[in-house]
């Protein structure tokens, strides 16, 4: 979460304190709403976790050929 906050409340449950922010949209989420994948938090929008997985695969390429191949596959999908 950002370093300038005192206490953020969950966007979905305004009476509950946020424990994290979605990595994609920065929406504050409580423990009931937060989805964690490999230490990264997302809101409950499943497309956000899927988006990060595609971006992560592209960043993990070890050479230009693999990176270009992954980019073409992502564009096709």
Protein backbone atom coordinates (compact mmCIF):
# COMPACT_ATOMS: atom_id res chain seq x y z
CA UNK A 1 0.00 0.00 0.00
CA UNK A 2 1.11 3.56 -0.48
CA UNK A 3 3.29 5.03 2.23
CA UNK A 4 1.09 8.13 2.72
CA UNK A 5 -2.01 6.44 4.11
CA UNK A 6 -3.14 6.30 7.70
CA UNK A 7 -5.93 3.78 7.22
CA UNK A 8 -7.60 2.83 3.98
CA UNK A 9 -10.92 1.07 3.91
CA UNK A 10 -11.91 -1.68 1.49
CA UNK A 11 -13.69 -0.44 -1.64
CA UNK A 12 -16.18 -3.33 -1.43
CA UNK A 13 -16.62 -3.34 2.38
CA UNK A 14 -16.32 0.25 3.64
CA UNK A 15 -16.39 -0.84 7.31
CA UNK A 16 -13.37 -3.15 6.92
CA UNK A 17 -9.73 -2.05 6.82
CA UNK A 18 -7.82 -2.73 3.64
CA UNK A 19 -4.91 -5.16 3.92
CA UNK A 20 -3.58 -4.58 0.38
CA UNK A 21 -4.10 -2.81 -2.92
CA UNK A 22 -4.76 -4.58 -6.21
CA UNK A 23 -1.55 -4.63 -8.22
CA UNK A 24 -3.47 -3.76 -11.40
CA UNK A 25 -6.06 -1.14 -10.39
CA UNK A 26 -4.73 -0.06 -6.94
CA UNK A 27 -8.16 -0.67 -5.39
CA UNK A 28 -7.86 -1.14 -1.59
CA UNK A 29 -9.15 -4.56 -0.53
CA UNK A 30 -9.83 -6.27 2.80
CA UNK A 31 -8.91 -9.84 3.70
CA UNK A 32 -12.25 -11.10 2.35
CA UNK A 33 -11.73 -9.49 -1.07
CA UNK A 34 -7.97 -9.81 -1.55
CA UNK A 35 -6.74 -12.51 -3.90
CA UNK A 36 -3.09 -13.44 -3.43
CA UNK A 37 -0.92 -15.14 -6.05
CA UNK A 38 2.76 -15.69 -5.30
CA UNK A 39 2.79 -12.81 -2.81
CA UNK A 40 1.06 -10.38 -5.19
CA UNK A 41 -2.39 -9.06 -4.28
CA UNK A 42 -5.34 -8.44 -6.58
CA UNK A 43 -8.93 -7.35 -6.15
CA UNK A 44 -11.57 -9.98 -6.84
CA UNK A 45 -11.65 -9.14 -10.58
CA UNK A 46 -10.26 -12.37 -12.05
CA UNK A 47 -9.08 -10.61 -15.22
CA UNK A 48 -6.55 -8.64 -13.15
CA UNK A 49 -4.67 -11.75 -12.00
CA UNK A 50 -4.76 -13.13 -15.55
CA UNK A 51 -3.34 -9.87 -16.94
CA UNK A 52 -0.39 -9.95 -14.57
CA UNK A 53 0.33 -13.59 -15.41
CA UNK A 54 0.61 -12.70 -19.12
CA UNK A 55 2.86 -9.73 -18.39
CA UNK A 56 5.02 -11.79 -16.05
CA UNK A 57 5.52 -14.48 -18.70
CA UNK A 58 6.77 -11.82 -21.09
CA UNK A 59 9.16 -10.40 -18.51
CA UNK A 60 10.61 -13.81 -17.72
CA UNK A 61 11.88 -14.37 -21.27
CA UNK A 62 15.60 -15.12 -21.33
CA UNK A 63 16.31 -14.06 -24.89
CA UNK A 64 14.90 -11.88 -27.65
CA UNK A 65 13.53 -14.84 -29.65
CA UNK A 66 11.48 -16.13 -26.71
CA UNK A 67 10.27 -12.61 -25.92
CA UNK A 68 9.10 -12.01 -29.51
CA UNK A 69 7.38 -15.41 -29.61
CA UNK A 70 5.53 -14.71 -26.37
CA UNK A 71 4.52 -11.25 -27.62
CA UNK A 72 3.08 -12.73 -30.83
CA UNK A 73 1.14 -15.33 -28.85
CA UNK A 74 -0.28 -12.67 -26.54
CA UNK A 75 -1.31 -10.51 -29.50
CA UNK A 76 -3.02 -13.49 -31.15
CA UNK A 77 -5.01 -14.22 -27.99
